[in-house]
């Protein structure tokens, strides 16, 4: 897969990052380098290798999943600039 300048421009716009026109070819090159590295990772044979959470063998601590606090909806919503029907209200951002 190759990223052209127009795709780099679109990605920058979607990420809301201002990229000057003269910097778009370099950005496209960086995207292509990242995608090339990801393709290299896809070529690695990982058959029989178990996923790890750390480089040292360890088990994750587990705890009982129980509610220890709550019932303070009014306090939480008191911090909201706009709350409706028991929820935070946010302005529409997608048209």
PDB file of N, CA and C in Angstrom:
ATOM      1  N   UNK A   1       0.844  -1.175   0.000  1.00  0.00           N
ATOM      2  CA  UNK A   1       0.000   0.000   0.000  1.00  0.00           C
ATOM      3  C   UNK A   1       0.889   1.238   0.000  1.00  0.00           C
ATOM      4  N   UNK A   2       0.496   2.208  -0.777  1.00  0.00           N
ATOM      5  CA  UNK A   2       1.286   3.419  -0.870  1.00  0.00           C
ATOM      6  C   UNK A   2       0.393   4.634  -0.612  1.00  0.00           C
ATOM      7  N   UNK A   3       0.918   5.561   0.145  1.00  0.00           N
ATOM      8  CA  UNK A   3       0.189   6.787   0.472  1.00  0.00           C
ATOM      9  C   UNK A   3       0.687   7.899  -0.449  1.00  0.00           C
ATOM     10  N   UNK A   4      -0.231   8.508  -1.188  1.00  0.00           N
ATOM     11  CA  UNK A   4       0.155   9.630  -2.041  1.00  0.00           C
ATOM     12  C   UNK A   4      -0.070  10.946  -1.291  1.00  0.00           C
ATOM     13  N   UNK A   5       0.275  12.036  -1.931  1.00  0.00           N
ATOM     14  CA  UNK A   5       0.187  13.349  -1.283  1.00  0.00           C
ATOM     15  C   UNK A   5      -1.262  13.696  -0.939  1.00  0.00           C
ATOM     16  N   UNK A   6      -2.185  13.358  -1.827  1.00  0.00           N
ATOM     17  CA  UNK A   6      -3.596  13.672  -1.574  1.00  0.00           C
ATOM     18  C   UNK A   6      -4.119  12.909  -0.352  1.00  0.00           C
ATOM     19  N   UNK A   7      -3.717  11.654  -0.205  1.00  0.00           N
ATOM     20  CA  UNK A   7      -4.128  10.871   0.965  1.00  0.00           C
ATOM     21  C   UNK A   7      -3.514  11.449   2.227  1.00  0.00           C
ATOM     22  N   UNK A   8      -2.257  11.869   2.164  1.00  0.00           N
ATOM     23  CA  UNK A   8      -1.607  12.498   3.318  1.00  0.00           C
ATOM     24  C   UNK A   8      -2.340  13.778   3.708  1.00  0.00           C
ATOM     25  N   UNK A   9      -2.761  14.550   2.710  1.00  0.00           N
ATOM     26  CA  UNK A   9      -3.527  15.775   2.977  1.00  0.00           C
ATOM     27  C   UNK A   9      -4.836  15.441   3.685  1.00  0.00           C
ATOM     28  N   UNK A  10      -5.507  14.398   3.211  1.00  0.00           N
ATOM     29  CA  UNK A  10      -6.793  13.995   3.809  1.00  0.00           C
ATOM     30  C   UNK A  10      -6.606  13.495   5.243  1.00  0.00           C
ATOM     31  N   UNK A  11      -5.567  12.707   5.478  1.00  0.00           N
ATOM     32  CA  UNK A  11      -5.293  12.212   6.835  1.00  0.00           C
ATOM     33  C   UNK A  11      -5.009  13.376   7.776  1.00  0.00           C
ATOM     34  N   UNK A  12      -4.230  14.337   7.320  1.00  0.00           N
ATOM     35  CA  UNK A  12      -3.923  15.508   8.145  1.00  0.00           C
ATOM     36  C   UNK A  12      -5.198  16.282   8.464  1.00  0.00           C
ATOM     37  N   UNK A  13      -6.077  16.402   7.478  1.00  0.00           N
ATOM     38  CA  UNK A  13      -7.339  17.117   7.711  1.00  0.00           C
ATOM     39  C   UNK A  13      -8.200  16.367   8.715  1.00  0.00           C
ATOM     40  N   UNK A  14      -8.308  15.039   8.553  1.00  0.00           N
ATOM     41  CA  UNK A  14      -9.105  14.241   9.483  1.00  0.00           C
ATOM     42  C   UNK A  14      -8.545  14.290  10.900  1.00  0.00           C
ATOM     43  N   UNK A  15      -7.216  14.370  11.012  1.00  0.00           N
ATOM     44  CA  UNK A  15      -6.574  14.449  12.324  1.00  0.00           C
ATOM     45  C   UNK A  15      -6.539  15.880  12.847  1.00  0.00           C
ATOM     46  N   UNK A  16      -7.039  16.808  12.039  1.00  0.00           N
ATOM     47  CA  UNK A  16      -7.050  18.230  12.390  1.00  0.00           C
ATOM     48  C   UNK A  16      -5.645  18.750  12.688  1.00  0.00           C
ATOM     49  N   UNK A  17      -4.727  18.347  11.822  1.00  0.00           N
ATOM     50  CA  UNK A  17      -3.337  18.787  11.931  1.00  0.00           C
ATOM     51  C   UNK A  17      -3.038  19.656  10.718  1.00  0.00           C
ATOM     52  N   UNK A  18      -2.578  20.875  10.967  1.00  0.00           N
ATOM     53  CA  UNK A  18      -2.233  21.752   9.850  1.00  0.00           C
ATOM     54  C   UNK A  18      -0.860  21.355   9.321  1.00  0.00           C
ATOM     55  N   UNK A  19      -0.825  21.005   8.056  1.00  0.00           N
ATOM     56  CA  UNK A  19       0.424  20.638   7.392  1.00  0.00           C
ATOM     57  C   UNK A  19       0.565  21.554   6.181  1.00  0.00           C
ATOM     58  N   UNK A  20       1.677  22.233   6.111  1.00  0.00           N
ATOM     59  CA  UNK A  20       1.924  23.133   4.986  1.00  0.00           C
ATOM     60  C   UNK A  20       2.061  22.310   3.699  1.00  0.00           C
ATOM     61  N   UNK A  21       1.722  22.934   2.583  1.00  0.00           N
ATOM     62  CA  UNK A  21       1.716  22.248   1.288  1.00  0.00           C
ATOM     63  C   UNK A  21       3.092  21.658   0.956  1.00  0.00           C
ATOM     64  N   UNK A  22       4.157  22.373   1.277  1.00  0.00           N
ATOM     65  CA  UNK A  22       5.503  21.882   0.953  1.00  0.00           C
ATOM     66  C   UNK A  22       5.923  20.711   1.851  1.00  0.00           C
ATOM     67  N   UNK A  23       5.225  20.506   2.983  1.00  0.00           N
ATOM     68  CA  UNK A  23       5.564  19.406   3.888  1.00  0.00           C
ATOM     69  C   UNK A  23       4.782  18.128   3.595  1.00  0.00           C
ATOM     70  N   UNK A  24       3.803  18.186   2.692  1.00  0.00           N
ATOM     71  CA  UNK A  24       2.991  17.004   2.395  1.00  0.00           C
ATOM     72  C   UNK A  24       3.791  15.848   1.794  1.00  0.00           C
ATOM     73  N   UNK A  25       4.735  16.086   0.868  1.00  0.00           N
ATOM     74  CA  UNK A  25       5.514  14.938   0.359  1.00  0.00           C
ATOM     75  C   UNK A  25       6.300  14.225   1.462  1.00  0.00           C
ATOM     76  N   UNK A  26       6.863  14.971   2.400  1.00  0.00           N
ATOM     77  CA  UNK A  26       7.603  14.346   3.499  1.00  0.00           C
ATOM     78  C   UNK A  26       6.660  13.554   4.396  1.00  0.00           C
ATOM     79  N   UNK A  27       5.457  14.096   4.635  1.00  0.00           N
ATOM     80  CA  UNK A  27       4.480  13.388   5.455  1.00  0.00           C
ATOM     81  C   UNK A  27       4.049  12.092   4.779  1.00  0.00           C
ATOM     82  N   UNK A  28       3.817  12.144   3.480  1.00  0.00           N
ATOM     83  CA  UNK A  28       3.458  10.934   2.741  1.00  0.00           C
ATOM     84  C   UNK A  28       4.587   9.909   2.826  1.00  0.00           C
ATOM     85  N   UNK A  29       5.831  10.369   2.749  1.00  0.00           N
ATOM     86  CA  UNK A  29       6.976   9.463   2.884  1.00  0.00           C
ATOM     87  C   UNK A  29       7.034   8.806   4.255  1.00  0.00           C
ATOM     88  N   UNK A  30       6.737   9.589   5.295  1.00  0.00           N
ATOM     89  CA  UNK A  30       6.729   9.022   6.648  1.00  0.00           C
ATOM     90  C   UNK A  30       5.625   7.982   6.796  1.00  0.00           C
ATOM     91  N   UNK A  31       4.445   8.286   6.253  1.00  0.00           N
ATOM     92  CA  UNK A  31       3.354   7.305   6.293  1.00  0.00           C
ATOM     93  C   UNK A  31       3.752   6.019   5.580  1.00  0.00           C
ATOM     94  N   UNK A  32       4.397   6.145   4.433  1.00  0.00           N
ATOM     95  CA  UNK A  32       4.828   4.966   3.678  1.00  0.00           C
ATOM     96  C   UNK A  32       5.870   4.163   4.451  1.00  0.00           C
ATOM     97  N   UNK A  33       6.769   4.850   5.155  1.00  0.00           N
ATOM     98  CA  UNK A  33       7.774   4.143   5.963  1.00  0.00           C
ATOM     99  C   UNK A  33       7.100   3.376   7.096  1.00  0.00           C
ATOM    100  N   UNK A  34       6.101   3.985   7.724  1.00  0.00           N
ATOM    101  CA  UNK A  34       5.373   3.316   8.806  1.00  0.00           C
ATOM    102  C   UNK A  34       4.644   2.093   8.271  1.00  0.00           C
ATOM    103  N   UNK A  35       3.964   2.253   7.142  1.00  0.00           N
ATOM    104  CA  UNK A  35       3.241   1.127   6.551  1.00  0.00           C
ATOM    105  C   UNK A  35       4.197   0.015   6.123  1.00  0.00           C
ATOM    106  N   UNK A  36       5.380   0.397   5.634  1.00  0.00           N
ATOM    107  CA  UNK A  36       6.382  -0.615   5.283  1.00  0.00           C
ATOM    108  C   UNK A  36       6.832  -1.404   6.493  1.00  0.00           C
ATOM    109  N   UNK A  37       7.017  -0.723   7.612  1.00  0.00           N
ATOM    110  CA  UNK A  37       7.410  -1.410   8.843  1.00  0.00           C
ATOM    111  C   UNK A  37       6.302  -2.356   9.296  1.00  0.00           C
ATOM    112  N   UNK A  38       5.056  -1.924   9.189  1.00  0.00           N
ATOM    113  CA  UNK A  38       3.929  -2.780   9.580  1.00  0.00           C
ATOM    114  C   UNK A  38       3.867  -4.010   8.686  1.00  0.00           C
ATOM    115  N   UNK A  39       4.144  -3.846   7.400  1.00  0.00           N
ATOM    116  CA  UNK A  39       4.174  -4.991   6.492  1.00  0.00           C
ATOM    117  C   UNK A  39       5.282  -5.960   6.882  1.00  0.00           C
ATOM    118  N   UNK A  40       6.428  -5.427   7.315  1.00  0.00           N
ATOM    119  CA  UNK A  40       7.520  -6.291   7.779  1.00  0.00           C
ATOM    120  C   UNK A  40       7.087  -7.090   8.995  1.00  0.00           C
ATOM    121  N   UNK A  41       6.379  -6.447   9.910  1.00  0.00           N
ATOM    122  CA  UNK A  41       5.911  -7.157  11.095  1.00  0.00           C
ATOM    123  C   UNK A  41       4.954  -8.280  10.720  1.00  0.00           C
ATOM    124  N   UNK A  42       4.161  -8.067   9.675  1.00  0.00           N
ATOM    125  CA  UNK A  42       3.229  -9.094   9.230  1.00  0.00           C
ATOM    126  C   UNK A  42       3.935 -10.322   8.672  1.00  0.00           C
ATOM    127  N   UNK A  43       5.189 -10.198   8.260  1.00  0.00           N
ATOM    128  CA  UNK A  43       5.944 -11.320   7.699  1.00  0.00           C
ATOM    129  C   UNK A  43       6.584 -12.197   8.768  1.00  0.00           C
ATOM    130  N   UNK A  44       6.596 -11.733  10.003  1.00  0.00           N
ATOM    131  CA  UNK A  44       7.241 -12.485  11.084  1.00  0.00           C
ATOM    132  C   UNK A  44       6.383 -13.700  11.441  1.00  0.00           C
ATOM    133  N   UNK A  45       7.035 -14.862  11.567  1.00  0.00           N
ATOM    134  CA  UNK A  45       6.322 -16.084  11.952  1.00  0.00           C
ATOM    135  C   UNK A  45       6.167 -16.107  13.470  1.00  0.00           C
ATOM    136  N   UNK A  46       4.939 -15.995  13.932  1.00  0.00           N
ATOM    137  CA  UNK A  46       4.669 -15.992  15.367  1.00  0.00           C
ATOM    138  C   UNK A  46       3.875 -17.220  15.788  1.00  0.00           C
ATOM    139  N   UNK A  47       3.891 -18.237  14.954  1.00  0.00           N
ATOM    140  CA  UNK A  47       3.170 -19.473  15.268  1.00  0.00           C
ATOM    141  C   UNK A  47       3.718 -20.089  16.551  1.00  0.00           C
ATOM    142  N   UNK A  48       2.857 -20.341  17.498  1.00  0.00           N
ATOM    143  CA  UNK A  48       3.251 -20.953  18.760  1.00  0.00           C
ATOM    144  C   UNK A  48       3.774 -19.973  19.799  1.00  0.00           C
ATOM    145  N   UNK A  49       3.815 -18.699  19.490  1.00  0.00           N
ATOM    146  CA  UNK A  49       4.282 -17.692  20.442  1.00  0.00           C
ATOM    147  C   UNK A  49       3.068 -17.128  21.165  1.00  0.00           C
ATOM    148  N   UNK A  50       3.074 -17.241  22.477  1.00  0.00           N
ATOM    149  CA  UNK A  50       1.944 -16.746  23.250  1.00  0.00           C
ATOM    150  C   UNK A  50       2.060 -15.239  23.450  1.00  0.00           C
ATOM    151  N   UNK A  51       0.920 -14.547  23.469  1.00  0.00           N
ATOM    152  CA  UNK A  51       0.946 -13.100  23.721  1.00  0.00           C
ATOM    153  C   UNK A  51       1.508 -12.804  25.102  1.00  0.00           C
ATOM    154  N   UNK A  52       2.174 -11.650  25.231  1.00  0.00           N
ATOM    155  CA  UNK A  52       2.782 -11.271  26.500  1.00  0.00           C
ATOM    156  C   UNK A  52       2.204  -9.948  26.981  1.00  0.00           C
ATOM    157  N   UNK A  53       2.155  -9.786  28.288  1.00  0.00           N
ATOM    158  CA  UNK A  53       1.774  -8.495  28.852  1.00  0.00           C
ATOM    159  C   UNK A  53       3.001  -7.710  29.259  1.00  0.00           C
ATOM    160  N   UNK A  54       4.138  -8.377  29.337  1.00  0.00           N
ATOM    161  CA  UNK A  54       5.376  -7.746  29.759  1.00  0.00           C
ATOM    162  C   UNK A  54       6.542  -8.560  29.216  1.00  0.00           C
ATOM    163  N   UNK A  55       7.730  -7.978  29.221  1.00  0.00           N
ATOM    164  CA  UNK A  55       8.901  -8.732  28.769  1.00  0.00           C
ATOM    165  C   UNK A  55       9.366  -9.720  29.817  1.00  0.00           C
ATOM    166  N   UNK A  56       8.909  -9.548  31.043  1.00  0.00           N
ATOM    167  CA  UNK A  56       9.213 -10.514  32.095  1.00  0.00           C
ATOM    168  C   UNK A  56       7.970 -11.357  32.345  1.00  0.00           C
ATOM    169  N   UNK A  57       8.143 -12.641  32.526  1.00  0.00           N
ATOM    170  CA  UNK A  57       6.977 -13.496  32.728  1.00  0.00           C
ATOM    171  C   UNK A  57       6.279 -13.149  34.046  1.00  0.00           C
ATOM    172  N   UNK A  58       5.044 -12.763  33.959  1.00  0.00           N
ATOM    173  CA  UNK A  58       4.285 -12.428  35.148  1.00  0.00           C
ATOM    174  C   UNK A  58       2.801 -12.574  34.847  1.00  0.00           C
ATOM    175  N   UNK A  59       2.036 -12.785  35.873  1.00  0.00           N
ATOM    176  CA  UNK A  59       0.591 -12.857  35.720  1.00  0.00           C
ATOM    177  C   UNK A  59       0.003 -11.543  36.195  1.00  0.00           C
ATOM    178  N   UNK A  60      -1.041 -11.119  35.533  1.00  0.00           N
ATOM    179  CA  UNK A  60      -1.717  -9.908  35.947  1.00  0.00           C
ATOM    180  C   UNK A  60      -2.495 -10.163  37.228  1.00  0.00           C
ATOM    181  N   UNK A  61      -2.437  -9.202  38.124  1.00  0.00           N
ATOM    182  CA  UNK A  61      -3.233  -9.313  39.335  1.00  0.00           C
ATOM    183  C   UNK A  61      -4.693  -9.143  38.975  1.00  0.00           C
ATOM    184  N   UNK A  62      -5.519  -9.931  39.588  1.00  0.00           N
ATOM    185  CA  UNK A  62      -6.943  -9.829  39.331  1.00  0.00           C
ATOM    186  C   UNK A  62      -7.659  -9.481  40.611  1.00  0.00           C
ATOM    187  N   UNK A  63      -8.726  -8.774  40.460  1.00  0.00           N
ATOM    188  CA  UNK A  63      -9.536  -8.414  41.608  1.00  0.00           C
ATOM    189  C   UNK A  63     -10.986  -8.694  41.279  1.00  0.00           C
ATOM    190  N   UNK A  64     -11.773  -8.743  42.288  1.00  0.00           N
ATOM    191  CA  UNK A  64     -13.191  -8.954  42.099  1.00  0.00           C
ATOM    192  C   UNK A  64     -13.778  -7.702  41.452  1.00  0.00           C
ATOM    193  N   UNK A  65     -14.585  -7.888  40.449  1.00  0.00           N
ATOM    194  CA  UNK A  65     -15.195  -6.770  39.762  1.00  0.00           C
ATOM    195  C   UNK A  65     -16.500  -6.404  40.469  1.00  0.00           C
ATOM    196  N   UNK A  66     -16.385  -5.459  41.374  1.00  0.00           N
ATOM    197  CA  UNK A  66     -17.568  -5.057  42.128  1.00  0.00           C
ATOM    198  C   UNK A  66     -17.578  -3.537  42.263  1.00  0.00           C
ATOM    199  N   UNK A  67     -18.771  -2.990  42.358  1.00  0.00           N
ATOM    200  CA  UNK A  67     -18.920  -1.549  42.500  1.00  0.00           C
ATOM    201  C   UNK A  67     -18.614  -1.175  43.941  1.00  0.00           C
ATOM    202  N   UNK A  68     -17.650  -0.272  44.122  1.00  0.00           N
ATOM    203  CA  UNK A  68     -17.293   0.150  45.474  1.00  0.00           C
ATOM    204  C   UNK A  68     -17.699   1.591  45.734  1.00  0.00           C
ATOM    205  N   UNK A  69     -18.106   2.277  44.697  1.00  0.00           N
ATOM    206  CA  UNK A  69     -18.515   3.667  44.839  1.00  0.00           C
ATOM    207  C   UNK A  69     -19.581   3.930  43.780  1.00  0.00           C
ATOM    208  N   UNK A  70     -20.356   4.895  43.982  1.00  0.00           N
ATOM    209  CA  UNK A  70     -21.378   5.208  42.986  1.00  0.00           C
ATOM    210  C   UNK A  70     -22.556   5.887  43.645  1.00  0.00           C
ATOM    211  N   UNK A  71     -23.597   6.020  42.880  1.00  0.00           N
ATOM    212  CA  UNK A  71     -24.782   6.646  43.399  1.00  0.00           C
ATOM    213  C   UNK A  71     -24.621   8.141  43.611  1.00  0.00           C
ATOM    214  N   UNK A  72     -23.679   8.756  42.911  1.00  0.00           N
ATOM    215  CA  UNK A  72     -23.463  10.194  43.081  1.00  0.00           C
ATOM    216  C   UNK A  72     -23.611  10.911  41.747  1.00  0.00           C
ATOM    217  N   UNK A  73     -24.628  10.515  40.986  1.00  0.00           N
ATOM    218  CA  UNK A  73     -24.855  11.090  39.670  1.00  0.00           C
ATOM    219  C   UNK A  73     -25.033  12.605  39.742  1.00  0.00           C
ATOM    220  N   UNK A  74     -25.785  13.074  40.732  1.00  0.00           N
ATOM    221  CA  UNK A  74     -26.030  14.520  40.856  1.00  0.00           C
ATOM    222  C   UNK A  74     -24.725  15.282  41.079  1.00  0.00           C
ATOM    223  N   UNK A  75     -23.818  14.734  41.892  1.00  0.00           N
ATOM    224  CA  UNK A  75     -22.531  15.392  42.141  1.00  0.00           C
ATOM    225  C   UNK A  75     -21.691  15.459  40.866  1.00  0.00           C
ATOM    226  N   UNK A  76     -21.684  14.358  40.116  1.00  0.00           N
ATOM    227  CA  UNK A  76     -20.895  14.315  38.888  1.00  0.00           C
ATOM    228  C   UNK A  76     -21.461  15.299  37.868  1.00  0.00           C
ATOM    229  N   UNK A  77     -22.770  15.292  37.697  1.00  0.00           N
ATOM    230  CA  UNK A  77     -23.384  16.168  36.704  1.00  0.00           C
ATOM    231  C   UNK A  77     -23.342  17.637  37.113  1.00  0.00           C
ATOM    232  N   UNK A  78     -23.075  17.908  38.384  1.00  0.00           N
ATOM    233  CA  UNK A  78     -22.948  19.302  38.823  1.00  0.00           C
ATOM    234  C   UNK A  78     -21.747  19.968  38.160  1.00  0.00           C
ATOM    235  N   UNK A  79     -20.756  19.182  37.738  1.00  0.00           N
ATOM    236  CA  UNK A  79     -19.569  19.715  37.072  1.00  0.00           C
ATOM    237  C   UNK A  79     -19.774  19.927  35.575  1.00  0.00           C
ATOM    238  N   UNK A  80     -20.869  19.418  35.030  1.00  0.00           N
ATOM    239  CA  UNK A  80     -21.090  19.484  33.588  1.00  0.00           C
ATOM    240  C   UNK A  80     -21.556  20.877  33.170  1.00  0.00           C
ATOM    241  N   UNK A  81     -20.997  21.388  32.074  1.00  0.00           N
ATOM    242  CA  UNK A  81     -21.485  22.668  31.586  1.00  0.00           C
ATOM    243  C   UNK A  81     -22.929  22.564  31.080  1.00  0.00           C
ATOM    244  N   UNK A  82     -23.313  21.367  30.605  1.00  0.00           N
ATOM    245  CA  UNK A  82     -24.669  21.149  30.121  1.00  0.00           C
ATOM    246  C   UNK A  82     -25.035  19.694  30.392  1.00  0.00           C
ATOM    247  N   UNK A  83     -26.063  19.480  31.196  1.00  0.00           N
ATOM    248  CA  UNK A  83     -26.526  18.129  31.509  1.00  0.00           C
ATOM    249  C   UNK A  83     -28.020  18.061  31.222  1.00  0.00           C
ATOM    250  N   UNK A  84     -28.415  16.955  30.579  1.00  0.00           N
ATOM    251  CA  UNK A  84     -29.826  16.753  30.258  1.00  0.00           C
ATOM    252  C   UNK A  84     -30.202  15.303  30.522  1.00  0.00           C
ATOM    253  N   UNK A  85     -31.322  15.127  31.179  1.00  0.00           N
ATOM    254  CA  UNK A  85     -31.895  13.802  31.427  1.00  0.00           C
ATOM    255  C   UNK A  85     -30.895  12.857  32.089  1.00  0.00           C
ATOM    256  N   UNK A  86     -30.051  13.388  32.949  1.00  0.00           N
ATOM    257  CA  UNK A  86     -29.103  12.551  33.677  1.00  0.00           C
ATOM    258  C   UNK A  86     -27.825  12.215  32.933  1.00  0.00           C
ATOM    259  N   UNK A  87     -27.533  12.923  31.847  1.00  0.00           N
ATOM    260  CA  UNK A  87     -26.329  12.657  31.054  1.00  0.00           C
ATOM    261  C   UNK A  87     -25.607  13.963  30.756  1.00  0.00           C
ATOM    262  N   UNK A  88     -24.310  13.869  30.421  1.00  0.00           N
ATOM    263  CA  UNK A  88     -23.575  15.010  29.907  1.00  0.00           C
ATOM    264  C   UNK A  88     -24.115  15.313  28.518  1.00  0.00           C
ATOM    265  N   UNK A  89     -24.358  16.551  28.229  1.00  0.00           N
ATOM    266  CA  UNK A  89     -24.793  16.960  26.884  1.00  0.00           C
ATOM    267  C   UNK A  89     -23.619  17.647  26.206  1.00  0.00           C
ATOM    268  N   UNK A  90     -23.311  17.212  24.997  1.00  0.00           N
ATOM    269  CA  UNK A  90     -22.193  17.776  24.262  1.00  0.00           C
ATOM    270  C   UNK A  90     -22.695  18.262  22.912  1.00  0.00           C
ATOM    271  N   UNK A  91     -22.039  19.269  22.336  1.00  0.00           N
ATOM    272  CA  UNK A  91     -22.473  19.760  21.034  1.00  0.00           C
ATOM    273  C   UNK A  91     -22.178  18.743  19.942  1.00  0.00           C
ATOM    274  N   UNK A  92     -22.992  18.760  18.909  1.00  0.00           N
ATOM    275  CA  UNK A  92     -22.807  17.867  17.770  1.00  0.00           C
ATOM    276  C   UNK A  92     -21.532  18.266  17.031  1.00  0.00           C
ATOM    277  N   UNK A  93     -20.662  17.287  16.747  1.00  0.00           N
ATOM    278  CA  UNK A  93     -19.408  17.583  16.060  1.00  0.00           C
ATOM    279  C   UNK A  93     -19.347  16.944  14.674  1.00  0.00           C
ATOM    280  N   UNK A  94     -20.250  16.019  14.380  1.00  0.00           N
ATOM    281  CA  UNK A  94     -20.267  15.358  13.082  1.00  0.00           C
ATOM    282  C   UNK A  94     -21.491  15.846  12.319  1.00  0.00           C
ATOM    283  N   UNK A  95     -21.265  16.276  11.109  1.00  0.00           N
ATOM    284  CA  UNK A  95     -22.404  16.770  10.311  1.00  0.00           C
ATOM    285  C   UNK A  95     -22.860  15.742   9.330  1.00  0.00           C
TER     286      UNK A  95
END
